[in-house]
C-alpha atoms as a PDB file:
ATOM      1  CA  MET A   1       0.277  73.455 -29.399  1.00  0.00           C
ATOM      2  CA  ALA A   2       0.042  72.899 -33.126  1.00  0.00           C
ATOM      3  CA  LYS A   3      -2.502  74.753 -35.187  1.00  0.00           C
ATOM      4  CA  ASN A   4      -5.589  72.710 -35.992  1.00  0.00           C
ATOM      5  CA  LYS A   5      -5.298  71.637 -39.635  1.00  0.00           C
ATOM      6  CA  ASN A   6      -8.654  69.851 -39.807  1.00  0.00           C
ATOM      7  CA  LEU A   7     -11.041  72.810 -39.672  1.00  0.00           C
ATOM      8  CA  GLY A   8     -13.265  72.607 -42.747  1.00  0.00           C
ATOM      9  CA  GLN A   9     -13.004  68.816 -42.884  1.00  0.00           C
ATOM     10  CA  GLY A  10     -15.538  68.274 -40.103  1.00  0.00           C
ATOM     11  CA  LEU A  11     -15.055  67.403 -36.470  1.00  0.00           C
ATOM     12  CA  GLY A  12     -14.708  63.696 -37.111  1.00  0.00           C
ATOM     13  CA  ALA A  13     -10.964  64.184 -37.279  1.00  0.00           C
ATOM     14  CA  LEU A  14     -11.026  66.227 -34.083  1.00  0.00           C
ATOM     15  CA  LEU A  15     -13.090  63.755 -32.098  1.00  0.00           C
ATOM     16  CA  THR A  16     -11.262  60.637 -33.243  1.00  0.00           C
ATOM     17  CA  PRO A  17      -7.794  61.734 -34.377  1.00  0.00           C
ATOM     18  CA  THR A  18      -5.672  59.323 -36.353  1.00  0.00           C
ATOM     19  CA  LYS A  19      -2.127  58.355 -35.463  1.00  0.00           C
ATOM     20  CA  SER A  20      -0.791  60.723 -38.110  1.00  0.00           C
ATOM     21  CA  SER A  21      -2.540  63.674 -36.445  1.00  0.00           C
ATOM     22  CA  LEU A  22      -1.824  62.890 -32.799  1.00  0.00           C
ATOM     23  CA  GLU A  23       0.819  65.596 -32.663  1.00  0.00           C
ATOM     24  CA  ASP A  24      -1.993  68.159 -33.096  1.00  0.00           C
ATOM     25  CA  PHE A  25      -3.858  66.990 -29.987  1.00  0.00           C
ATOM     26  CA  SER A  26      -3.336  66.322 -26.299  1.00  0.00           C
ATOM     27  CA  GLN A  27      -5.770  64.173 -24.350  1.00  0.00           C
ATOM     28  CA  SER A  28      -6.372  64.876 -20.681  1.00  0.00           C
ATOM     29  CA  SER A  29      -8.589  63.979 -17.762  1.00  0.00           C
ATOM     30  CA  ILE A  30      -9.909  67.410 -16.819  1.00  0.00           C
ATOM     31  CA  LEU A  31     -11.701  68.596 -13.705  1.00  0.00           C
ATOM     32  CA  ILE A  32     -15.357  69.326 -14.463  1.00  0.00           C
ATOM     33  CA  SER A  33     -15.045  72.473 -12.342  1.00  0.00           C
ATOM     34  CA  LYS A  34     -12.460  73.864 -14.799  1.00  0.00           C
ATOM     35  CA  ILE A  35     -14.723  73.450 -17.828  1.00  0.00           C
ATOM     36  CA  LYS A  36     -17.199  76.048 -19.067  1.00  0.00           C
ATOM     37  CA  PRO A  37     -19.705  75.859 -21.951  1.00  0.00           C
ATOM     38  CA  ASN A  38     -19.072  77.785 -25.151  1.00  0.00           C
ATOM     39  CA  PRO A  39     -21.166  80.994 -24.754  1.00  0.00           C
ATOM     40  CA  ASN A  40     -21.784  80.950 -28.518  1.00  0.00           C
ATOM     41  CA  GLN A  41     -22.821  77.303 -28.652  1.00  0.00           C
ATOM     42  CA  PRO A  42     -25.417  77.160 -31.454  1.00  0.00           C
ATOM     43  CA  ARG A  43     -27.395  74.453 -29.708  1.00  0.00           C
ATOM     44  CA  LYS A  44     -29.579  75.968 -26.988  1.00  0.00           C
ATOM     45  CA  SER A  45     -32.037  73.138 -26.279  1.00  0.00           C
ATOM     46  CA  PHE A  46     -30.931  70.209 -24.114  1.00  0.00           C
ATOM     47  CA  GLU A  47     -33.735  67.708 -23.431  1.00  0.00           C
ATOM     48  CA  ASP A  48     -33.763  66.397 -19.847  1.00  0.00           C
ATOM     49  CA  LYS A  49     -34.917  62.906 -20.839  1.00  0.00           C
ATOM     50  CA  SER A  50     -32.234  62.599 -23.511  1.00  0.00           C
ATOM     51  CA  LEU A  51     -29.528  63.816 -21.101  1.00  0.00           C
ATOM     52  CA  LYS A  52     -30.589  61.276 -18.465  1.00  0.00           C
ATOM     53  CA  GLN A  53     -30.423  58.489 -21.065  1.00  0.00           C
ATOM     54  CA  LEU A  54     -26.939  59.622 -22.088  1.00  0.00           C
ATOM     55  CA  ALA A  55     -25.857  59.774 -18.450  1.00  0.00           C
ATOM     56  CA  GLN A  56     -27.117  56.229 -17.901  1.00  0.00           C
ATOM     57  CA  SER A  57     -25.205  55.019 -20.973  1.00  0.00           C
ATOM     58  CA  ILE A  58     -22.004  56.701 -19.767  1.00  0.00           C
ATOM     59  CA  GLU A  59     -22.471  55.216 -16.296  1.00  0.00           C
ATOM     60  CA  GLU A  60     -22.863  51.712 -17.743  1.00  0.00           C
ATOM     61  CA  LYS A  61     -20.357  51.770 -20.628  1.00  0.00           C
ATOM     62  CA  GLY A  62     -18.089  54.710 -19.902  1.00  0.00           C
ATOM     63  CA  LEU A  63     -17.357  57.705 -22.129  1.00  0.00           C
ATOM     64  CA  ILE A  64     -16.705  56.309 -25.609  1.00  0.00           C
ATOM     65  CA  THR A  65     -15.812  59.618 -27.268  1.00  0.00           C
ATOM     66  CA  PRO A  66     -13.973  62.306 -25.242  1.00  0.00           C
ATOM     67  CA  ILE A  67     -15.266  65.852 -25.426  1.00  0.00           C
ATOM     68  CA  THR A  68     -13.204  68.503 -27.220  1.00  0.00           C
ATOM     69  CA  VAL A  69     -12.095  71.682 -25.449  1.00  0.00           C
ATOM     70  CA  LYS A  70      -9.957  74.760 -25.968  1.00  0.00           C
ATOM     71  CA  GLN A  71      -7.772  76.072 -23.156  1.00  0.00           C
ATOM     72  CA  ASP A  72      -8.718  79.557 -21.962  1.00  0.00           C
ATOM     73  CA  ASP A  73      -6.287  80.754 -19.272  1.00  0.00           C
ATOM     74  CA  ASN A  74      -6.782  78.322 -16.390  1.00  0.00           C
ATOM     75  CA  LYS A  75     -10.158  77.135 -17.715  1.00  0.00           C
ATOM     76  CA  TYR A  76     -11.339  75.114 -20.721  1.00  0.00           C
ATOM     77  CA  VAL A  77     -14.095  76.102 -23.179  1.00  0.00           C
ATOM     78  CA  ILE A  78     -16.168  73.307 -24.716  1.00  0.00           C
ATOM     79  CA  VAL A  79     -15.826  73.049 -28.488  1.00  0.00           C
ATOM     80  CA  ALA A  80     -17.727  69.782 -28.929  1.00  0.00           C
ATOM     81  CA  GLY A  81     -19.546  67.550 -26.479  1.00  0.00           C
ATOM     82  CA  GLU A  82     -21.652  69.775 -24.235  1.00  0.00           C
ATOM     83  CA  ARG A  83     -24.263  67.012 -23.830  1.00  0.00           C
ATOM     84  CA  ARG A  84     -21.555  64.616 -22.623  1.00  0.00           C
ATOM     85  CA  TYR A  85     -20.297  67.310 -20.232  1.00  0.00           C
ATOM     86  CA  ARG A  86     -23.813  67.899 -18.882  1.00  0.00           C
ATOM     87  CA  ALA A  87     -24.343  64.143 -18.488  1.00  0.00           C
ATOM     88  CA  HIS A  88     -21.147  63.927 -16.413  1.00  0.00           C
ATOM     89  CA  LYS A  89     -22.448  66.720 -14.175  1.00  0.00           C
ATOM     90  CA  LEU A  90     -25.710  64.799 -13.706  1.00  0.00           C
ATOM     91  CA  LEU A  91     -23.626  61.820 -12.590  1.00  0.00           C
ATOM     92  CA  LYS A  92     -21.726  64.137 -10.214  1.00  0.00           C
ATOM     93  CA  LYS A  93     -18.428  63.060 -11.744  1.00  0.00           C
ATOM     94  CA  LYS A  94     -15.400  65.171 -10.920  1.00  0.00           C
ATOM     95  CA  ARG A  95     -13.428  64.604 -14.144  1.00  0.00           C
ATOM     96  CA  ILE A  96     -14.046  64.028 -17.849  1.00  0.00           C
ATOM     97  CA  LEU A  97     -11.754  62.834 -20.633  1.00  0.00           C
ATOM     98  CA  ALA A  98     -11.122  65.538 -23.247  1.00  0.00           C
ATOM     99  CA  TYR A  99      -9.088  66.358 -26.330  1.00  0.00           C
ATOM    100  CA  VAL A 100      -7.423  69.737 -25.884  1.00  0.00           C
ATOM    101  CA  ILE A 101      -7.126  71.543 -29.211  1.00  0.00           C
ATOM    102  CA  ASP A 102      -5.954  74.896 -30.471  1.00  0.00           C
ATOM    103  CA  ALA A 103      -8.681  77.145 -31.868  1.00  0.00           C
ATOM    104  CA  GLU A 104      -6.977  80.375 -32.853  1.00  0.00           C
ATOM    105  CA  SER A 105     -10.064  82.574 -32.911  1.00  0.00           C
ATOM    106  CA  ASN A 106     -13.710  82.837 -31.922  1.00  0.00           C
ATOM    107  CA  LYS A 107     -14.545  82.095 -35.544  1.00  0.00           C
ATOM    108  CA  ASP A 108     -12.701  78.763 -35.360  1.00  0.00           C
ATOM    109  CA  LEU A 109     -14.533  77.943 -32.129  1.00  0.00           C
ATOM    110  CA  MET A 110     -17.937  78.775 -33.579  1.00  0.00           C
ATOM    111  CA  TYR A 111     -17.293  76.805 -36.765  1.00  0.00           C
ATOM    112  CA  MET A 112     -16.191  73.764 -34.789  1.00  0.00           C
ATOM    113  CA  ALA A 113     -19.288  73.852 -32.585  1.00  0.00           C
ATOM    114  CA  LEU A 114     -21.537  74.220 -35.631  1.00  0.00           C
ATOM    115  CA  ILE A 115     -19.862  71.404 -37.530  1.00  0.00           C
ATOM    116  CA  GLU A 116     -20.031  69.047 -34.571  1.00  0.00           C
ATOM    117  CA  ASN A 117     -23.758  69.594 -34.109  1.00  0.00           C
ATOM    118  CA  ILE A 118     -24.589  69.503 -37.818  1.00  0.00           C
ATOM    119  CA  GLN A 119     -22.651  66.285 -38.389  1.00  0.00           C
ATOM    120  CA  ARG A 120     -24.459  64.650 -35.476  1.00  0.00           C
ATOM    121  CA  GLU A 121     -27.747  65.795 -37.070  1.00  0.00           C
ATOM    122  CA  ASP A 122     -29.259  66.915 -33.759  1.00  0.00           C
ATOM    123  CA  LEU A 123     -29.190  70.671 -34.254  1.00  0.00           C
ATOM    124  CA  ASN A 124     -32.590  72.335 -34.667  1.00  0.00           C
ATOM    125  CA  PRO A 125     -32.915  74.278 -37.980  1.00  0.00           C
ATOM    126  CA  ILE A 126     -33.480  77.567 -36.117  1.00  0.00           C
ATOM    127  CA  GLU A 127     -30.434  76.987 -33.921  1.00  0.00           C
ATOM    128  CA  GLU A 128     -28.451  76.220 -37.068  1.00  0.00           C
ATOM    129  CA  ALA A 129     -29.742  79.379 -38.771  1.00  0.00           C
ATOM    130  CA  LYS A 130     -28.856  81.516 -35.735  1.00  0.00           C
ATOM    131  CA  GLY A 131     -25.386  79.991 -35.743  1.00  0.00           C
ATOM    132  CA  TYR A 132     -24.914  81.010 -39.371  1.00  0.00           C
ATOM    133  CA  ARG A 133     -26.271  84.483 -38.645  1.00  0.00           C
ATOM    134  CA  TYR A 134     -23.850  84.892 -35.739  1.00  0.00           C
ATOM    135  CA  LEU A 135     -20.971  84.008 -38.069  1.00  0.00           C
ATOM    136  CA  GLN A 136     -22.225  86.590 -40.567  1.00  0.00           C
ATOM    137  CA  ASP A 137     -22.940  89.449 -38.183  1.00  0.00           C
ATOM    138  CA  ASN A 138     -20.206  89.039 -35.581  1.00  0.00           C
ATOM    139  CA  LEU A 139     -17.397  87.244 -37.390  1.00  0.00           C
ATOM    140  CA  LYS A 140     -17.939  88.701 -40.892  1.00  0.00           C
ATOM    141  CA  SER A 141     -18.233  85.308 -42.610  1.00  0.00           C
ATOM    142  CA  SER A 142     -19.817  85.158 -46.066  1.00  0.00           C
ATOM    143  CA  ILE A 143     -22.342  82.480 -47.001  1.00  0.00           C
ATOM    144  CA  THR A 144     -19.770  80.982 -49.355  1.00  0.00           C
ATOM    145  CA  GLU A 145     -17.226  80.711 -46.542  1.00  0.00           C
ATOM    146  CA  ILE A 146     -19.791  79.220 -44.156  1.00  0.00           C
ATOM    147  CA  ALA A 147     -20.969  76.666 -46.721  1.00  0.00           C
ATOM    148  CA  LYS A 148     -17.436  75.566 -47.570  1.00  0.00           C
ATOM    149  CA  THR A 149     -16.429  75.204 -43.925  1.00  0.00           C
ATOM    150  CA  VAL A 150     -19.502  73.311 -42.658  1.00  0.00           C
ATOM    151  CA  GLY A 151     -19.612  71.092 -45.755  1.00  0.00           C
ATOM    152  CA  LYS A 152     -22.968  72.228 -47.144  1.00  0.00           C
ATOM    153  CA  SER A 153     -24.000  73.840 -50.411  1.00  0.00           C
ATOM    154  CA  ARG A 154     -24.409  77.605 -50.558  1.00  0.00           C
ATOM    155  CA  PRO A 155     -28.166  77.324 -51.312  1.00  0.00           C
ATOM    156  CA  ALA A 156     -28.600  74.983 -48.321  1.00  0.00           C
ATOM    157  CA  VAL A 157     -27.063  77.596 -46.004  1.00  0.00           C
ATOM    158  CA  SER A 158     -29.122  80.396 -47.616  1.00  0.00           C
ATOM    159  CA  ASN A 159     -32.347  78.396 -47.264  1.00  0.00           C
ATOM    160  CA  THR A 160     -31.607  77.764 -43.593  1.00  0.00           C
ATOM    161  CA  LEU A 161     -30.942  81.480 -43.012  1.00  0.00           C
ATOM    162  CA  ARG A 162     -34.289  82.327 -44.629  1.00  0.00           C
ATOM    163  CA  LEU A 163     -36.053  80.649 -41.699  1.00  0.00           C
ATOM    164  CA  LEU A 164     -35.070  83.667 -39.577  1.00  0.00           C
ATOM    165  CA  LYS A 165     -37.463  85.766 -41.684  1.00  0.00           C
ATOM    166  CA  LEU A 166     -40.374  83.892 -40.103  1.00  0.00           C
ATOM    167  CA  PRO A 167     -42.312  85.553 -37.243  1.00  0.00           C
ATOM    168  CA  SER A 168     -40.909  84.712 -33.807  1.00  0.00           C
ATOM    169  CA  GLN A 169     -43.817  82.457 -32.813  1.00  0.00           C
ATOM    170  CA  ILE A 170     -43.260  80.310 -35.894  1.00  0.00           C
ATOM    171  CA  GLN A 171     -39.529  80.120 -35.162  1.00  0.00           C
ATOM    172  CA  ASP A 172     -40.438  78.984 -31.626  1.00  0.00           C
ATOM    173  CA  SER A 173     -42.720  76.358 -33.166  1.00  0.00           C
ATOM    174  CA  ILE A 174     -39.769  74.970 -35.141  1.00  0.00           C
ATOM    175  CA  LEU A 175     -37.640  74.943 -31.980  1.00  0.00           C
ATOM    176  CA  LYS A 176     -40.359  72.931 -30.207  1.00  0.00           C
ATOM    177  CA  GLY A 177     -40.492  70.426 -33.070  1.00  0.00           C
ATOM    178  CA  GLU A 178     -44.119  71.269 -33.933  1.00  0.00           C
ATOM    179  CA  ILE A 179     -43.211  71.880 -37.576  1.00  0.00           C
ATOM    180  CA  ASN A 180     -40.130  71.010 -39.624  1.00  0.00           C
ATOM    181  CA  ALA A 181     -37.915  73.048 -41.947  1.00  0.00           C
ATOM    182  CA  GLY A 182     -39.772  71.896 -45.080  1.00  0.00           C
ATOM    183  CA  GLN A 183     -43.105  73.112 -43.728  1.00  0.00           C
ATOM    184  CA  ALA A 184     -41.473  76.340 -42.568  1.00  0.00           C
ATOM    185  CA  ARG A 185     -40.086  77.065 -46.040  1.00  0.00           C
ATOM    186  CA  ALA A 186     -43.567  76.575 -47.474  1.00  0.00           C
ATOM    187  CA  ILE A 187     -44.943  79.075 -44.938  1.00  0.00           C
ATOM    188  CA  LEU A 188     -42.330  81.587 -46.140  1.00  0.00           C
ATOM    189  CA  GLN A 189     -44.061  81.684 -49.522  1.00  0.00           C
ATOM    190  CA  ASN A 190     -46.824  83.772 -47.942  1.00  0.00           C
ATOM    191  CA  LYS A 191     -46.142  87.457 -48.583  1.00  0.00           C
ATOM    192  CA  THR A 192     -47.233  88.959 -45.253  1.00  0.00           C
ATOM    193  CA  THR A 193     -46.543  88.245 -41.587  1.00  0.00           C
ATOM    194  CA  GLN A 194     -50.266  87.889 -40.972  1.00  0.00           C
ATOM    195  CA  GLY A 195     -50.545  85.442 -43.868  1.00  0.00           C
ATOM    196  CA  MET A 196     -47.660  83.367 -42.505  1.00  0.00           C
ATOM    197  CA  ILE A 197     -49.208  83.200 -39.014  1.00  0.00           C
ATOM    198  CA  GLN A 198     -52.683  82.287 -40.297  1.00  0.00           C
ATOM    199  CA  PHE A 199     -51.260  79.560 -42.490  1.00  0.00           C
ATOM    200  CA  TRP A 200     -49.071  78.240 -39.645  1.00  0.00           C
ATOM    201  CA  LYS A 201     -52.096  77.963 -37.333  1.00  0.00           C
ATOM    202  CA  LYS A 202     -54.002  76.090 -40.041  1.00  0.00           C
ATOM    203  CA  LEU A 203     -51.006  73.793 -40.545  1.00  0.00           C
ATOM    204  CA  LEU A 204     -50.876  72.952 -36.823  1.00  0.00           C
ATOM    205  CA  LYS A 205     -54.631  72.447 -36.552  1.00  0.00           C
ATOM    206  CA  GLU A 206     -54.847  70.118 -39.534  1.00  0.00           C
ATOM    207  CA  LYS A 207     -51.446  68.454 -38.976  1.00  0.00           C
ATOM    208  CA  MET A 208     -50.476  68.821 -42.636  1.00  0.00           C
ATOM    209  CA  SER A 209     -47.576  67.018 -44.244  1.00  0.00           C
ATOM    210  CA  VAL A 210     -44.867  68.979 -46.096  1.00  0.00           C
ATOM    211  CA  ARG A 211     -46.358  68.009 -49.458  1.00  0.00           C
ATOM    212  CA  ARG A 212     -49.864  69.010 -48.381  1.00  0.00           C
ATOM    213  CA  THR A 213     -48.481  72.301 -47.005  1.00  0.00           C
ATOM    214  CA  GLU A 214     -46.744  73.147 -50.287  1.00  0.00           C
ATOM    215  CA  SER A 215     -49.796  72.120 -52.296  1.00  0.00           C
ATOM    216  CA  LEU A 216     -52.086  74.394 -50.299  1.00  0.00           C
ATOM    217  CA  VAL A 217     -49.691  77.354 -50.609  1.00  0.00           C
ATOM    218  CA  ASN A 218     -49.493  76.920 -54.377  1.00  0.00           C
ATOM    219  CA  LYS A 219     -53.263  76.496 -54.672  1.00  0.00           C
ATOM    220  CA  ASN A 220     -53.775  79.990 -53.259  1.00  0.00           C
ATOM    221  CA  LYS A 221     -51.549  81.537 -55.938  1.00  0.00           C
ATOM    222  CA  LYS A 222     -52.545  82.675 -59.405  1.00  0.00           C
ATOM    223  CA  THR A 223     -49.358  81.295 -60.958  1.00  0.00           C
ATOM    224  CA  SER A 224     -49.823  78.116 -62.998  1.00  0.00           C
ATOM    225  CA  PRO A 225     -48.750  74.796 -61.408  1.00  0.00           C
ATOM    226  CA  GLN A 226     -45.893  74.494 -63.932  1.00  0.00           C
ATOM    227  CA  LEU A 227     -44.508  77.938 -63.079  1.00  0.00           C
ATOM    228  CA  GLN A 228     -45.033  77.287 -59.373  1.00  0.00           C
ATOM    229  CA  SER A 229     -42.875  74.179 -59.669  1.00  0.00           C
ATOM    230  CA  ILE A 230     -40.146  76.130 -61.494  1.00  0.00           C
ATOM    231  CA  GLN A 231     -40.434  78.931 -58.933  1.00  0.00           C
ATOM    232  CA  SER A 232     -39.995  76.510 -56.001  1.00  0.00           C
ATOM    233  CA  SER A 233     -37.076  74.738 -57.696  1.00  0.00           C
ATOM    234  CA  LEU A 234     -35.276  78.010 -58.389  1.00  0.00           C
ATOM    235  CA  SER A 235     -35.837  79.192 -54.826  1.00  0.00           C
ATOM    236  CA  ARG A 236     -34.316  76.009 -53.404  1.00  0.00           C
ATOM    237  CA  LEU A 237     -31.463  76.150 -55.918  1.00  0.00           C
ATOM    238  CA  ILE A 238     -30.283  79.683 -55.161  1.00  0.00           C
ATOM    239  CA  GLY A 239     -31.489  79.942 -51.575  1.00  0.00           C
ATOM    240  CA  GLU A 240     -33.518  83.115 -52.100  1.00  0.00           C
ATOM    241  CA  LYS A 241     -37.196  83.930 -52.634  1.00  0.00           C
ATOM    242  CA  VAL A 242     -38.144  83.714 -56.330  1.00  0.00           C
ATOM    243  CA  SER A 243     -41.347  85.049 -57.920  1.00  0.00           C
ATOM    244  CA  ILE A 244     -42.391  84.364 -61.520  1.00  0.00           C
ATOM    245  CA  LYS A 245     -45.039  86.581 -63.120  1.00  0.00           C
ATOM    246  CA  GLN A 246     -46.629  85.833 -66.475  1.00  0.00           C
ATOM    247  CA  ASN A 247     -49.179  87.691 -68.592  1.00  0.00           C
ATOM    248  CA  ASN A 248     -51.919  85.185 -69.414  1.00  0.00           C
ATOM    249  CA  LYS A 249     -52.567  86.802 -72.818  1.00  0.00           C
ATOM    250  CA  THR A 250     -49.067  87.416 -74.155  1.00  0.00           C
ATOM    251  CA  LYS A 251     -47.451  84.568 -72.147  1.00  0.00           C
ATOM    252  CA  LYS A 252     -44.561  86.937 -71.473  1.00  0.00           C
ATOM    253  CA  GLY A 253     -43.331  87.586 -67.989  1.00  0.00           C
ATOM    254  CA  PHE A 254     -40.427  88.131 -65.643  1.00  0.00           C
ATOM    255  CA  ILE A 255     -38.578  86.481 -62.776  1.00  0.00           C
ATOM    256  CA  LYS A 256     -38.085  88.424 -59.528  1.00  0.00           C
ATOM    257  CA  ILE A 257     -35.369  87.361 -57.092  1.00  0.00           C
ATOM    258  CA  SER A 258     -35.474  88.876 -53.601  1.00  0.00           C
ATOM    259  CA  PHE A 259     -32.200  88.857 -51.706  1.00  0.00           C
ATOM    260  CA  ASP A 260     -30.607  90.195 -48.551  1.00  0.00           C
ATOM    261  CA  LYS A 261     -27.239  91.918 -49.010  1.00  0.00           C
ATOM    262  CA  LYS A 262     -25.857  90.297 -45.842  1.00  0.00           C
ATOM    263  CA  ASN A 263     -26.486  86.898 -47.450  1.00  0.00           C
ATOM    264  CA  SER A 264     -24.061  87.612 -50.276  1.00  0.00           C
END
């Protein structure tokens, strides 16, 4: 089987290959019993209601887009399309249409799964962050490599990874959809774990918007609104925590950038 040439260009080419790339793919009707989920699938949450709706759509209109799998001995590992696979199991179907591709390594497999979920915009920010962290810790990928491959900016990947610095209960809150990534990044501006948790509880109780959340965080700081704005912009730009300190008398100051070596 030919080596996949489309990694880094997104899974659009994998899921709907053009005539010029057909030699890189084989399409098969595969037994459901021979398919197994990717153990490193970044997406961990599969909503029952959503799966039932997908199953109903497949039952009525058929499978529009085949899943994508990699052969593993006499089995197949899902690269993209686990929801479609699960929907077929709900329908008690015996076979599913799939593109069989060649992923040469676990890194290729993980990248493909990440790209597929990110492009479909249904991956929770924490799941996305854990996917990036897995690539860093287990597959020795740099942030630059991750950003280039998934088609995002380096600061965007860094900012997503920063969400893993939140206490576990706040990460769970993001997974449940109680707060979004913008609110979570505002919570990160608190210096202590206790401060983050207290602010998060206040956010949930008062159902604050992202703008209101950021405004309240900045209000509790001694830094001027102008410097706070610069501080926030720099943090988003470089994907790391930025602190600006200024002497009110001399107007002199310094910029402090906190970073994690593994994020380099």
